[in-house]
């Protein structure tokens, strides 16, 4: 019995090239790209905030030693990245019951700001 799927009589469709839909200039794809870049940066900042919080708890409860070179370099990096963003928040909101709420306020602000930006970008992209 011949194999039909190998038969040369069946036409083989030519591969279709991807042609993007017509848009008004290049701004919507560029806008989406810029939003993705901002989203990646915000998510990286959130990861650094979590690492700093966990590391500060581990140092405070003496689980890890700050004299360890790896711990000191990671903690120093997280401090250098987050401190310029946390300092203005710490000036406005001091410690509450001995707990620094600035990282939580910064994280919530970044998430909230990213959601607002996402809503604006998608409304521009879909033309609403």
PDB file of N, CA and C in Angstrom:
ATOM      1  N   UNK A   1       0.843  -1.174   0.000  1.00  0.00           N
ATOM      2  CA  UNK A   1       0.000   0.000   0.000  1.00  0.00           C
ATOM      3  C   UNK A   1       0.894   1.246   0.000  1.00  0.00           C
ATOM      4  N   UNK A   2       0.706   2.149  -0.949  1.00  0.00           N
ATOM      5  CA  UNK A   2       1.566   3.335  -1.014  1.00  0.00           C
ATOM      6  C   UNK A   2       1.232   4.309   0.109  1.00  0.00           C
ATOM      7  N   UNK A   3       2.211   5.010   0.494  1.00  0.00           N
ATOM      8  CA  UNK A   3       2.023   6.035   1.536  1.00  0.00           C
ATOM      9  C   UNK A   3       1.587   7.316   0.866  1.00  0.00           C
ATOM     10  N   UNK A   4       0.411   7.764   1.216  1.00  0.00           N
ATOM     11  CA  UNK A   4      -0.150   8.950   0.569  1.00  0.00           C
ATOM     12  C   UNK A   4       0.570  10.235   0.984  1.00  0.00           C
ATOM     13  N   UNK A   5       1.031  10.285   2.204  1.00  0.00           N
ATOM     14  CA  UNK A   5       1.616  11.526   2.677  1.00  0.00           C
ATOM     15  C   UNK A   5       2.989  11.774   2.058  1.00  0.00           C
ATOM     16  N   UNK A   6       3.583  10.770   1.427  1.00  0.00           N
ATOM     17  CA  UNK A   6       4.845  10.978   0.724  1.00  0.00           C
ATOM     18  C   UNK A   6       4.646  11.122  -0.780  1.00  0.00           C
ATOM     19  N   UNK A   7       3.413  11.098  -1.202  1.00  0.00           N
ATOM     20  CA  UNK A   7       3.120  11.139  -2.629  1.00  0.00           C
ATOM     21  C   UNK A   7       3.512  12.495  -3.208  1.00  0.00           C
ATOM     22  N   UNK A   8       4.229  12.499  -4.350  1.00  0.00           N
ATOM     23  CA  UNK A   8       4.613  13.772  -4.949  1.00  0.00           C
ATOM     24  C   UNK A   8       3.448  14.502  -5.607  1.00  0.00           C
ATOM     25  N   UNK A   9       2.311  13.831  -5.722  1.00  0.00           N
ATOM     26  CA  UNK A   9       1.191  14.484  -6.377  1.00  0.00           C
ATOM     27  C   UNK A   9       0.488  15.490  -5.470  1.00  0.00           C
ATOM     28  N   UNK A  10       0.692  15.387  -4.142  1.00  0.00           N
ATOM     29  CA  UNK A  10       0.076  16.329  -3.223  1.00  0.00           C
ATOM     30  C   UNK A  10       0.859  17.633  -3.227  1.00  0.00           C
ATOM     31  N   UNK A  11       0.166  18.743  -3.373  1.00  0.00           N
ATOM     32  CA  UNK A  11       0.897  20.021  -3.369  1.00  0.00           C
ATOM     33  C   UNK A  11       1.413  20.353  -1.980  1.00  0.00           C
ATOM     34  N   UNK A  12       2.595  20.871  -1.922  1.00  0.00           N
ATOM     35  CA  UNK A  12       3.195  21.295  -0.655  1.00  0.00           C
ATOM     36  C   UNK A  12       3.066  22.807  -0.589  1.00  0.00           C
ATOM     37  N   UNK A  13       2.360  23.295   0.430  1.00  0.00           N
ATOM     38  CA  UNK A  13       2.178  24.745   0.496  1.00  0.00           C
ATOM     39  C   UNK A  13       3.496  25.441   0.815  1.00  0.00           C
ATOM     40  N   UNK A  14       3.669  26.577   0.212  1.00  0.00           N
ATOM     41  CA  UNK A  14       4.869  27.376   0.469  1.00  0.00           C
ATOM     42  C   UNK A  14       4.756  27.995   1.854  1.00  0.00           C
ATOM     43  N   UNK A  15       5.856  28.097   2.579  1.00  0.00           N
ATOM     44  CA  UNK A  15       5.793  28.710   3.911  1.00  0.00           C
ATOM     45  C   UNK A  15       5.394  30.173   3.802  1.00  0.00           C
ATOM     46  N   UNK A  16       4.532  30.577   4.697  1.00  0.00           N
ATOM     47  CA  UNK A  16       4.055  31.961   4.693  1.00  0.00           C
ATOM     48  C   UNK A  16       4.984  32.817   5.527  1.00  0.00           C
ATOM     49  N   UNK A  17       5.273  33.986   5.008  1.00  0.00           N
ATOM     50  CA  UNK A  17       6.106  34.917   5.749  1.00  0.00           C
ATOM     51  C   UNK A  17       5.223  35.721   6.682  1.00  0.00           C
ATOM     52  N   UNK A  18       5.774  36.028   7.837  1.00  0.00           N
ATOM     53  CA  UNK A  18       5.044  36.829   8.804  1.00  0.00           C
ATOM     54  C   UNK A  18       5.095  38.281   8.365  1.00  0.00           C
ATOM     55  N   UNK A  19       3.937  38.860   8.162  1.00  0.00           N
ATOM     56  CA  UNK A  19       3.837  40.274   7.829  1.00  0.00           C
ATOM     57  C   UNK A  19       3.022  40.933   8.923  1.00  0.00           C
ATOM     58  N   UNK A  20       3.626  41.841   9.699  1.00  0.00           N
ATOM     59  CA  UNK A  20       2.879  42.459  10.800  1.00  0.00           C
ATOM     60  C   UNK A  20       1.710  43.277  10.280  1.00  0.00           C
ATOM     61  N   UNK A  21       0.704  43.359  11.102  1.00  0.00           N
ATOM     62  CA  UNK A  21      -0.479  44.137  10.748  1.00  0.00           C
ATOM     63  C   UNK A  21      -0.099  45.599  10.585  1.00  0.00           C
ATOM     64  N   UNK A  22      -0.802  46.271   9.702  1.00  0.00           N
ATOM     65  CA  UNK A  22      -0.526  47.680   9.459  1.00  0.00           C
ATOM     66  C   UNK A  22      -0.893  48.491  10.695  1.00  0.00           C
ATOM     67  N   UNK A  23       0.004  49.336  11.093  1.00  0.00           N
ATOM     68  CA  UNK A  23      -0.241  50.193  12.254  1.00  0.00           C
ATOM     69  C   UNK A  23       0.014  51.630  11.848  1.00  0.00           C
ATOM     70  N   UNK A  24      -0.354  52.528  12.704  1.00  0.00           N
ATOM     71  CA  UNK A  24      -0.096  53.945  12.469  1.00  0.00           C
ATOM     72  C   UNK A  24       1.343  54.238  12.865  1.00  0.00           C
ATOM     73  N   UNK A  25       2.245  54.103  11.963  1.00  0.00           N
ATOM     74  CA  UNK A  25       3.650  54.341  12.275  1.00  0.00           C
ATOM     75  C   UNK A  25       4.216  53.195  13.105  1.00  0.00           C
ATOM     76  N   UNK A  26       5.310  53.453  13.757  1.00  0.00           N
ATOM     77  CA  UNK A  26       5.945  52.432  14.575  1.00  0.00           C
ATOM     78  C   UNK A  26       5.728  52.657  16.058  1.00  0.00           C
ATOM     79  N   UNK A  27       4.891  53.599  16.438  1.00  0.00           N
ATOM     80  CA  UNK A  27       4.768  53.937  17.850  1.00  0.00           C
ATOM     81  C   UNK A  27       4.114  52.836  18.691  1.00  0.00           C
ATOM     82  N   UNK A  28       3.044  52.156  18.272  1.00  0.00           N
ATOM     83  CA  UNK A  28       2.498  51.128  19.163  1.00  0.00           C
ATOM     84  C   UNK A  28       3.470  49.995  19.473  1.00  0.00           C
ATOM     85  N   UNK A  29       4.180  49.414  18.457  1.00  0.00           N
ATOM     86  CA  UNK A  29       5.152  48.389  18.842  1.00  0.00           C
ATOM     87  C   UNK A  29       6.274  48.950  19.707  1.00  0.00           C
ATOM     88  N   UNK A  30       6.702  50.184  19.416  1.00  0.00           N
ATOM     89  CA  UNK A  30       7.754  50.793  20.222  1.00  0.00           C
ATOM     90  C   UNK A  30       7.244  51.047  21.637  1.00  0.00           C
ATOM     91  N   UNK A  31       5.992  51.451  21.755  1.00  0.00           N
ATOM     92  CA  UNK A  31       5.394  51.689  23.064  1.00  0.00           C
ATOM     93  C   UNK A  31       5.331  50.395  23.872  1.00  0.00           C
ATOM     94  N   UNK A  32       4.971  49.310  23.205  1.00  0.00           N
ATOM     95  CA  UNK A  32       4.924  48.014  23.885  1.00  0.00           C
ATOM     96  C   UNK A  32       6.321  47.587  24.318  1.00  0.00           C
ATOM     97  N   UNK A  33       7.307  47.848  23.490  1.00  0.00           N
ATOM     98  CA  UNK A  33       8.689  47.511  23.828  1.00  0.00           C
ATOM     99  C   UNK A  33       9.178  48.317  25.024  1.00  0.00           C
ATOM    100  N   UNK A  34       8.866  49.597  25.039  1.00  0.00           N
ATOM    101  CA  UNK A  34       9.263  50.453  26.170  1.00  0.00           C
ATOM    102  C   UNK A  34       8.570  49.984  27.448  1.00  0.00           C
ATOM    103  N   UNK A  35       7.283  49.618  27.331  1.00  0.00           N
ATOM    104  CA  UNK A  35       6.574  49.115  28.511  1.00  0.00           C
ATOM    105  C   UNK A  35       7.210  47.828  29.026  1.00  0.00           C
ATOM    106  N   UNK A  36       7.590  46.928  28.124  1.00  0.00           N
ATOM    107  CA  UNK A  36       8.235  45.687  28.545  1.00  0.00           C
ATOM    108  C   UNK A  36       9.555  45.973  29.251  1.00  0.00           C
ATOM    109  N   UNK A  37      10.308  46.930  28.739  1.00  0.00           N
ATOM    110  CA  UNK A  37      11.577  47.295  29.368  1.00  0.00           C
ATOM    111  C   UNK A  37      11.351  47.862  30.768  1.00  0.00           C
ATOM    112  N   UNK A  38      10.368  48.737  30.906  1.00  0.00           N
ATOM    113  CA  UNK A  38      10.043  49.308  32.221  1.00  0.00           C
ATOM    114  C   UNK A  38       9.567  48.207  33.159  1.00  0.00           C
ATOM    115  N   UNK A  39       8.773  47.289  32.656  1.00  0.00           N
ATOM    116  CA  UNK A  39       8.274  46.185  33.468  1.00  0.00           C
ATOM    117  C   UNK A  39       9.416  45.306  33.973  1.00  0.00           C
ATOM    118  N   UNK A  40      10.374  45.031  33.117  1.00  0.00           N
ATOM    119  CA  UNK A  40      11.534  44.219  33.522  1.00  0.00           C
ATOM    120  C   UNK A  40      12.340  44.943  34.596  1.00  0.00           C
ATOM    121  N   UNK A  41      12.555  46.241  34.426  1.00  0.00           N
ATOM    122  CA  UNK A  41      13.322  47.014  35.411  1.00  0.00           C
ATOM    123  C   UNK A  41      12.600  47.031  36.760  1.00  0.00           C
ATOM    124  N   UNK A  42      11.280  47.247  36.745  1.00  0.00           N
ATOM    125  CA  UNK A  42      10.512  47.265  37.994  1.00  0.00           C
ATOM    126  C   UNK A  42      10.565  45.904  38.671  1.00  0.00           C
ATOM    127  N   UNK A  43      10.446  44.834  37.902  1.00  0.00           N
ATOM    128  CA  UNK A  43      10.512  43.497  38.496  1.00  0.00           C
ATOM    129  C   UNK A  43      11.893  43.201  39.077  1.00  0.00           C
ATOM    130  N   UNK A  44      12.941  43.672  38.420  1.00  0.00           N
ATOM    131  CA  UNK A  44      14.287  43.491  38.981  1.00  0.00           C
ATOM    132  C   UNK A  44      14.452  44.269  40.283  1.00  0.00           C
ATOM    133  N   UNK A  45      13.907  45.477  40.340  1.00  0.00           N
ATOM    134  CA  UNK A  45      13.963  46.254  41.584  1.00  0.00           C
ATOM    135  C   UNK A  45      13.211  45.530  42.697  1.00  0.00           C
ATOM    136  N   UNK A  46      12.067  44.927  42.367  1.00  0.00           N
ATOM    137  CA  UNK A  46      11.304  44.180  43.376  1.00  0.00           C
ATOM    138  C   UNK A  46      12.081  42.970  43.870  1.00  0.00           C
ATOM    139  N   UNK A  47      12.792  42.296  42.979  1.00  0.00           N
ATOM    140  CA  UNK A  47      13.617  41.155  43.397  1.00  0.00           C
ATOM    141  C   UNK A  47      14.731  41.623  44.320  1.00  0.00           C
ATOM    142  N   UNK A  48      15.367  42.739  43.991  1.00  0.00           N
ATOM    143  CA  UNK A  48      16.441  43.273  44.843  1.00  0.00           C
ATOM    144  C   UNK A  48      15.883  43.674  46.205  1.00  0.00           C
ATOM    145  N   UNK A  49      14.683  44.231  46.242  1.00  0.00           N
ATOM    146  CA  UNK A  49      14.051  44.586  47.524  1.00  0.00           C
ATOM    147  C   UNK A  49      13.811  43.348  48.387  1.00  0.00           C
ATOM    148  N   UNK A  50      13.337  42.283  47.777  1.00  0.00           N
ATOM    149  CA  UNK A  50      13.085  41.047  48.529  1.00  0.00           C
ATOM    150  C   UNK A  50      14.399  40.466  49.036  1.00  0.00           C
ATOM    151  N   UNK A  51      15.414  40.451  48.191  1.00  0.00           N
ATOM    152  CA  UNK A  51      16.722  39.931  48.612  1.00  0.00           C
ATOM    153  C   UNK A  51      17.270  40.757  49.767  1.00  0.00           C
ATOM    154  N   UNK A  52      17.131  42.088  49.685  1.00  0.00           N
ATOM    155  CA  UNK A  52      17.622  42.940  50.766  1.00  0.00           C
ATOM    156  C   UNK A  52      16.864  42.674  52.067  1.00  0.00           C
ATOM    157  N   UNK A  53      15.544  42.519  51.977  1.00  0.00           N
ATOM    158  CA  UNK A  53      14.752  42.276  53.183  1.00  0.00           C
ATOM    159  C   UNK A  53      15.138  40.948  53.838  1.00  0.00           C
ATOM    160  N   UNK A  54      15.233  39.900  53.036  1.00  0.00           N
ATOM    161  CA  UNK A  54      15.585  38.589  53.583  1.00  0.00           C
ATOM    162  C   UNK A  54      16.992  38.620  54.164  1.00  0.00           C
ATOM    163  N   UNK A  55      17.904  39.240  53.443  1.00  0.00           N
ATOM    164  CA  UNK A  55      19.283  39.315  53.929  1.00  0.00           C
ATOM    165  C   UNK A  55      19.392  40.127  55.214  1.00  0.00           C
ATOM    166  N   UNK A  56      18.635  41.209  55.320  1.00  0.00           N
ATOM    167  CA  UNK A  56      18.684  42.002  56.550  1.00  0.00           C
ATOM    168  C   UNK A  56      18.115  41.225  57.733  1.00  0.00           C
ATOM    169  N   UNK A  57      17.086  40.408  57.491  1.00  0.00           N
ATOM    170  CA  UNK A  57      16.553  39.568  58.571  1.00  0.00           C
ATOM    171  C   UNK A  57      17.574  38.510  58.982  1.00  0.00           C
ATOM    172  N   UNK A  58      18.231  37.912  58.000  1.00  0.00           N
ATOM    173  CA  UNK A  58      19.233  36.892  58.314  1.00  0.00           C
ATOM    174  C   UNK A  58      20.408  37.492  59.074  1.00  0.00           C
ATOM    175  N   UNK A  59      20.784  38.710  58.735  1.00  0.00           N
ATOM    176  CA  UNK A  59      21.869  39.384  59.469  1.00  0.00           C
ATOM    177  C   UNK A  59      21.401  39.770  60.862  1.00  0.00           C
ATOM    178  N   UNK A  60      20.170  40.272  60.980  1.00  0.00           N
ATOM    179  CA  UNK A  60      19.658  40.701  62.290  1.00  0.00           C
ATOM    180  C   UNK A  60      19.530  39.529  63.260  1.00  0.00           C
ATOM    181  N   UNK A  61      19.143  38.367  62.751  1.00  0.00           N
ATOM    182  CA  UNK A  61      18.985  37.189  63.616  1.00  0.00           C
ATOM    183  C   UNK A  61      20.248  36.343  63.674  1.00  0.00           C
ATOM    184  N   UNK A  62      21.352  36.895  63.161  1.00  0.00           N
ATOM    185  CA  UNK A  62      22.669  36.278  63.202  1.00  0.00           C
ATOM    186  C   UNK A  62      22.696  34.884  62.596  1.00  0.00           C
ATOM    187  N   UNK A  63      21.949  34.710  61.521  1.00  0.00           N
ATOM    188  CA  UNK A  63      22.006  33.451  60.773  1.00  0.00           C
ATOM    189  C   UNK A  63      23.207  33.476  59.841  1.00  0.00           C
ATOM    190  N   UNK A  64      23.455  34.639  59.252  1.00  0.00           N
ATOM    191  CA  UNK A  64      24.650  34.825  58.425  1.00  0.00           C
ATOM    192  C   UNK A  64      25.475  35.949  59.027  1.00  0.00           C
ATOM    193  N   UNK A  65      26.757  35.925  58.720  1.00  0.00           N
ATOM    194  CA  UNK A  65      27.673  36.924  59.260  1.00  0.00           C
ATOM    195  C   UNK A  65      27.991  37.958  58.192  1.00  0.00           C
ATOM    196  N   UNK A  66      27.940  39.209  58.572  1.00  0.00           N
ATOM    197  CA  UNK A  66      28.203  40.295  57.631  1.00  0.00           C
ATOM    198  C   UNK A  66      29.669  40.364  57.225  1.00  0.00           C
ATOM    199  N   UNK A  67      30.532  39.725  57.986  1.00  0.00           N
ATOM    200  CA  UNK A  67      31.952  39.725  57.640  1.00  0.00           C
ATOM    201  C   UNK A  67      32.264  38.764  56.496  1.00  0.00           C
ATOM    202  N   UNK A  68      31.309  37.906  56.148  1.00  0.00           N
ATOM    203  CA  UNK A  68      31.472  37.019  55.004  1.00  0.00           C
ATOM    204  C   UNK A  68      31.508  37.876  53.735  1.00  0.00           C
ATOM    205  N   UNK A  69      32.509  37.651  52.884  1.00  0.00           N
ATOM    206  CA  UNK A  69      32.687  38.503  51.702  1.00  0.00           C
ATOM    207  C   UNK A  69      31.495  38.431  50.755  1.00  0.00           C
ATOM    208  N   UNK A  70      30.938  37.249  50.548  1.00  0.00           N
ATOM    209  CA  UNK A  70      29.802  37.109  49.629  1.00  0.00           C
ATOM    210  C   UNK A  70      28.580  37.853  50.174  1.00  0.00           C
ATOM    211  N   UNK A  71      28.313  37.672  51.466  1.00  0.00           N
ATOM    212  CA  UNK A  71      27.165  38.335  52.090  1.00  0.00           C
ATOM    213  C   UNK A  71      27.360  39.846  52.067  1.00  0.00           C
ATOM    214  N   UNK A  72      28.573  40.294  52.375  1.00  0.00           N
ATOM    215  CA  UNK A  72      28.850  41.733  52.395  1.00  0.00           C
ATOM    216  C   UNK A  72      28.693  42.349  51.013  1.00  0.00           C
ATOM    217  N   UNK A  73      29.133  41.643  49.975  1.00  0.00           N
ATOM    218  CA  UNK A  73      29.021  42.213  48.630  1.00  0.00           C
ATOM    219  C   UNK A  73      27.567  42.222  48.150  1.00  0.00           C
ATOM    220  N   UNK A  74      26.801  41.169  48.447  1.00  0.00           N
ATOM    221  CA  UNK A  74      25.394  41.137  48.056  1.00  0.00           C
ATOM    222  C   UNK A  74      24.618  42.210  48.809  1.00  0.00           C
ATOM    223  N   UNK A  75      24.854  42.319  50.109  1.00  0.00           N
ATOM    224  CA  UNK A  75      24.145  43.313  50.908  1.00  0.00           C
ATOM    225  C   UNK A  75      24.530  44.736  50.496  1.00  0.00           C
ATOM    226  N   UNK A  76      25.805  44.943  50.196  1.00  0.00           N
ATOM    227  CA  UNK A  76      26.255  46.261  49.724  1.00  0.00           C
ATOM    228  C   UNK A  76      25.611  46.635  48.391  1.00  0.00           C
ATOM    229  N   UNK A  77      25.500  45.641  47.489  1.00  0.00           N
ATOM    230  CA  UNK A  77      24.857  45.905  46.206  1.00  0.00           C
ATOM    231  C   UNK A  77      23.389  46.263  46.388  1.00  0.00           C
ATOM    232  N   UNK A  78      22.676  45.502  47.220  1.00  0.00           N
ATOM    233  CA  UNK A  78      21.255  45.791  47.422  1.00  0.00           C
ATOM    234  C   UNK A  78      21.063  47.148  48.079  1.00  0.00           C
ATOM    235  N   UNK A  79      21.960  47.513  48.991  1.00  0.00           N
ATOM    236  CA  UNK A  79      21.891  48.832  49.622  1.00  0.00           C
ATOM    237  C   UNK A  79      22.096  49.945  48.604  1.00  0.00           C
ATOM    238  N   UNK A  80      23.086  49.785  47.728  1.00  0.00           N
ATOM    239  CA  UNK A  80      23.373  50.828  46.736  1.00  0.00           C
ATOM    240  C   UNK A  80      22.238  50.987  45.732  1.00  0.00           C
ATOM    241  N   UNK A  81      21.562  49.896  45.419  1.00  0.00           N
ATOM    242  CA  UNK A  81      20.481  49.962  44.433  1.00  0.00           C
ATOM    243  C   UNK A  81      19.208  50.536  45.049  1.00  0.00           C
ATOM    244  N   UNK A  82      18.873  50.116  46.264  1.00  0.00           N
ATOM    245  CA  UNK A  82      17.568  50.482  46.826  1.00  0.00           C
ATOM    246  C   UNK A  82      17.592  51.731  47.696  1.00  0.00           C
ATOM    247  N   UNK A  83      18.711  52.071  48.267  1.00  0.00           N
ATOM    248  CA  UNK A  83      18.753  53.190  49.211  1.00  0.00           C
ATOM    249  C   UNK A  83      18.324  54.528  48.594  1.00  0.00           C
ATOM    250  N   UNK A  84      18.714  54.855  47.354  1.00  0.00           N
ATOM    251  CA  UNK A  84      18.231  56.125  46.787  1.00  0.00           C
ATOM    252  C   UNK A  84      16.710  56.177  46.632  1.00  0.00           C
ATOM    253  N   UNK A  85      16.079  55.040  46.466  1.00  0.00           N
ATOM    254  CA  UNK A  85      14.615  55.026  46.352  1.00  0.00           C
ATOM    255  C   UNK A  85      13.940  54.993  47.715  1.00  0.00           C
ATOM    256  N   UNK A  86      14.603  54.385  48.699  1.00  0.00           N
ATOM    257  CA  UNK A  86      14.002  54.236  50.026  1.00  0.00           C
ATOM    258  C   UNK A  86      14.177  55.484  50.899  1.00  0.00           C
ATOM    259  N   UNK A  87      15.239  56.240  50.671  1.00  0.00           N
ATOM    260  CA  UNK A  87      15.541  57.389  51.522  1.00  0.00           C
ATOM    261  C   UNK A  87      14.404  58.416  51.588  1.00  0.00           C
ATOM    262  N   UNK A  88      13.809  58.835  50.448  1.00  0.00           N
ATOM    263  CA  UNK A  88      12.704  59.808  50.549  1.00  0.00           C
ATOM    264  C   UNK A  88      11.481  59.243  51.265  1.00  0.00           C
ATOM    265  N   UNK A  89      11.246  57.954  51.096  1.00  0.00           N
ATOM    266  CA  UNK A  89      10.100  57.334  51.782  1.00  0.00           C
ATOM    267  C   UNK A  89      10.361  57.280  53.282  1.00  0.00           C
ATOM    268  N   UNK A  90      11.599  56.983  53.666  1.00  0.00           N
ATOM    269  CA  UNK A  90      11.942  56.930  55.093  1.00  0.00           C
ATOM    270  C   UNK A  90      11.825  58.299  55.753  1.00  0.00           C
ATOM    271  N   UNK A  91      12.079  59.374  54.972  1.00  0.00           N
ATOM    272  CA  UNK A  91      11.911  60.715  55.528  1.00  0.00           C
ATOM    273  C   UNK A  91      10.450  61.023  55.820  1.00  0.00           C
ATOM    274  N   UNK A  92       9.564  60.543  54.937  1.00  0.00           N
ATOM    275  CA  UNK A  92       8.130  60.788  55.125  1.00  0.00           C
ATOM    276  C   UNK A  92       7.507  59.868  56.162  1.00  0.00           C
ATOM    277  N   UNK A  93       7.886  58.592  56.127  1.00  0.00           N
ATOM    278  CA  UNK A  93       7.295  57.592  57.030  1.00  0.00           C
ATOM    279  C   UNK A  93       8.428  56.975  57.836  1.00  0.00           C
ATOM    280  N   UNK A  94       8.476  57.301  59.085  1.00  0.00           N
ATOM    281  CA  UNK A  94       9.506  56.733  59.951  1.00  0.00           C
ATOM    282  C   UNK A  94       9.166  55.301  60.331  1.00  0.00           C
ATOM    283  N   UNK A  95       9.994  54.710  61.142  1.00  0.00           N
ATOM    284  CA  UNK A  95       9.710  53.343  61.588  1.00  0.00           C
ATOM    285  C   UNK A  95       8.423  53.289  62.411  1.00  0.00           C
ATOM    286  N   UNK A  96       7.628  52.280  62.168  1.00  0.00           N
ATOM    287  CA  UNK A  96       6.374  52.084  62.897  1.00  0.00           C
ATOM    288  C   UNK A  96       6.569  50.891  63.819  1.00  0.00           C
ATOM    289  N   UNK A  97       6.648  51.159  65.088  1.00  0.00           N
ATOM    290  CA  UNK A  97       6.868  50.081  66.048  1.00  0.00           C
ATOM    291  C   UNK A  97       8.206  49.394  65.860  1.00  0.00           C
ATOM    292  N   UNK A  98       9.194  50.139  65.405  1.00  0.00           N
ATOM    293  CA  UNK A  98      10.522  49.571  65.196  1.00  0.00           C
ATOM    294  C   UNK A  98      10.675  48.858  63.865  1.00  0.00           C
ATOM    295  N   UNK A  99       9.641  48.871  63.028  1.00  0.00           N
ATOM    296  CA  UNK A  99       9.690  48.188  61.731  1.00  0.00           C
ATOM    297  C   UNK A  99       9.747  49.239  60.627  1.00  0.00           C
ATOM    298  N   UNK A 100      10.698  49.054  59.723  1.00  0.00           N
ATOM    299  CA  UNK A 100      10.855  49.962  58.585  1.00  0.00           C
ATOM    300  C   UNK A 100       9.881  49.542  57.489  1.00  0.00           C
ATOM    301  N   UNK A 101       8.900  50.399  57.231  1.00  0.00           N
ATOM    302  CA  UNK A 101       7.886  50.090  56.222  1.00  0.00           C
ATOM    303  C   UNK A 101       8.233  50.637  54.838  1.00  0.00           C
ATOM    304  N   UNK A 102       9.372  51.298  54.711  1.00  0.00           N
ATOM    305  CA  UNK A 102       9.744  51.904  53.435  1.00  0.00           C
ATOM    306  C   UNK A 102       9.857  50.882  52.301  1.00  0.00           C
ATOM    307  N   UNK A 103      10.475  49.707  52.487  1.00  0.00           N
ATOM    308  CA  UNK A 103      10.520  48.740  51.378  1.00  0.00           C
ATOM    309  C   UNK A 103       9.131  48.262  50.952  1.00  0.00           C
ATOM    310  N   UNK A 104       8.239  48.089  51.906  1.00  0.00           N
ATOM    311  CA  UNK A 104       6.875  47.665  51.573  1.00  0.00           C
ATOM    312  C   UNK A 104       6.146  48.759  50.799  1.00  0.00           C
ATOM    313  N   UNK A 105       6.303  50.012  51.234  1.00  0.00           N
ATOM    314  CA  UNK A 105       5.651  51.129  50.543  1.00  0.00           C
ATOM    315  C   UNK A 105       6.216  51.276  49.134  1.00  0.00           C
ATOM    316  N   UNK A 106       7.539  51.126  48.993  1.00  0.00           N
ATOM    317  CA  UNK A 106       8.153  51.214  47.675  1.00  0.00           C
ATOM    318  C   UNK A 106       7.661  50.090  46.765  1.00  0.00           C
ATOM    319  N   UNK A 107       7.603  48.875  47.280  1.00  0.00           N
ATOM    320  CA  UNK A 107       7.145  47.741  46.472  1.00  0.00           C
ATOM    321  C   UNK A 107       5.697  47.937  46.022  1.00  0.00           C
ATOM    322  N   UNK A 108       4.840  48.353  46.945  1.00  0.00           N
ATOM    323  CA  UNK A 108       3.440  48.582  46.582  1.00  0.00           C
ATOM    324  C   UNK A 108       3.308  49.727  45.577  1.00  0.00           C
ATOM    325  N   UNK A 109       4.098  50.774  45.748  1.00  0.00           N
ATOM    326  CA  UNK A 109       4.076  51.888  44.807  1.00  0.00           C
ATOM    327  C   UNK A 109       4.535  51.481  43.419  1.00  0.00           C
ATOM    328  N   UNK A 110       5.595  50.666  43.355  1.00  0.00           N
ATOM    329  CA  UNK A 110       6.075  50.198  42.056  1.00  0.00           C
ATOM    330  C   UNK A 110       5.044  49.308  41.365  1.00  0.00           C
ATOM    331  N   UNK A 111       4.437  48.419  42.124  1.00  0.00           N
ATOM    332  CA  UNK A 111       3.430  47.529  41.549  1.00  0.00           C
ATOM    333  C   UNK A 111       2.220  48.326  41.081  1.00  0.00           C
ATOM    334  N   UNK A 112       1.772  49.263  41.902  1.00  0.00           N
ATOM    335  CA  UNK A 112       0.620  50.088  41.551  1.00  0.00           C
ATOM    336  C   UNK A 112       0.927  50.951  40.324  1.00  0.00           C
ATOM    337  N   UNK A 113       2.114  51.557  40.296  1.00  0.00           N
ATOM    338  CA  UNK A 113       2.508  52.371  39.152  1.00  0.00           C
ATOM    339  C   UNK A 113       2.614  51.558  37.873  1.00  0.00           C
ATOM    340  N   UNK A 114       3.120  50.340  37.976  1.00  0.00           N
ATOM    341  CA  UNK A 114       3.223  49.472  36.806  1.00  0.00           C
ATOM    342  C   UNK A 114       1.841  49.081  36.285  1.00  0.00           C
ATOM    343  N   UNK A 115       0.899  48.858  37.193  1.00  0.00           N
ATOM    344  CA  UNK A 115      -0.471  48.528  36.771  1.00  0.00           C
ATOM    345  C   UNK A 115      -1.121  49.709  36.054  1.00  0.00           C
ATOM    346  N   UNK A 116      -0.918  50.907  36.563  1.00  0.00           N
ATOM    347  CA  UNK A 116      -1.478  52.096  35.907  1.00  0.00           C
ATOM    348  C   UNK A 116      -0.849  52.275  34.524  1.00  0.00           C
ATOM    349  N   UNK A 117       0.462  52.110  34.451  1.00  0.00           N
ATOM    350  CA  UNK A 117       1.152  52.237  33.173  1.00  0.00           C
ATOM    351  C   UNK A 117       0.678  51.175  32.187  1.00  0.00           C
ATOM    352  N   UNK A 118       0.474  49.970  32.670  1.00  0.00           N
ATOM    353  CA  UNK A 118      -0.007  48.893  31.807  1.00  0.00           C
ATOM    354  C   UNK A 118      -1.390  49.224  31.247  1.00  0.00           C
ATOM    355  N   UNK A 119      -2.266  49.756  32.083  1.00  0.00           N
ATOM    356  CA  UNK A 119      -3.603  50.134  31.632  1.00  0.00           C
ATOM    357  C   UNK A 119      -3.521  51.215  30.562  1.00  0.00           C
ATOM    358  N   UNK A 120      -2.673  52.216  30.787  1.00  0.00           N
ATOM    359  CA  UNK A 120      -2.525  53.294  29.808  1.00  0.00           C
ATOM    360  C   UNK A 120      -1.948  52.804  28.486  1.00  0.00           C
ATOM    361  N   UNK A 121      -0.910  51.964  28.564  1.00  0.00           N
ATOM    362  CA  UNK A 121      -0.273  51.471  27.351  1.00  0.00           C
ATOM    363  C   UNK A 121      -1.236  50.606  26.541  1.00  0.00           C
ATOM    364  N   UNK A 122      -1.955  49.719  27.217  1.00  0.00           N
ATOM    365  CA  UNK A 122      -2.863  48.850  26.475  1.00  0.00           C
ATOM    366  C   UNK A 122      -4.045  49.610  25.920  1.00  0.00           C
ATOM    367  N   UNK A 123      -4.479  50.660  26.594  1.00  0.00           N
ATOM    368  CA  UNK A 123      -5.566  51.456  26.026  1.00  0.00           C
ATOM    369  C   UNK A 123      -5.107  52.206  24.786  1.00  0.00           C
ATOM    370  N   UNK A 124      -3.833  52.622  24.757  1.00  0.00           N
ATOM    371  CA  UNK A 124      -3.284  53.264  23.562  1.00  0.00           C
ATOM    372  C   UNK A 124      -3.122  52.239  22.447  1.00  0.00           C
ATOM    373  N   UNK A 125      -2.644  51.036  22.794  1.00  0.00           N
ATOM    374  CA  UNK A 125      -2.396  50.017  21.778  1.00  0.00           C
ATOM    375  C   UNK A 125      -3.671  49.524  21.108  1.00  0.00           C
ATOM    376  N   UNK A 126      -4.750  49.383  21.878  1.00  0.00           N
ATOM    377  CA  UNK A 126      -5.988  48.884  21.274  1.00  0.00           C
ATOM    378  C   UNK A 126      -6.839  50.020  20.735  1.00  0.00           C
ATOM    379  N   UNK A 127      -6.422  51.245  20.974  1.00  0.00           N
ATOM    380  CA  UNK A 127      -7.109  52.385  20.419  1.00  0.00           C
ATOM    381  C   UNK A 127      -8.373  52.784  21.141  1.00  0.00           C
ATOM    382  N   UNK A 128      -8.462  52.454  22.429  1.00  0.00           N
ATOM    383  CA  UNK A 128      -9.657  52.812  23.188  1.00  0.00           C
ATOM    384  C   UNK A 128      -9.610  54.241  23.651  1.00  0.00           C
TER     385      UNK A 128
END
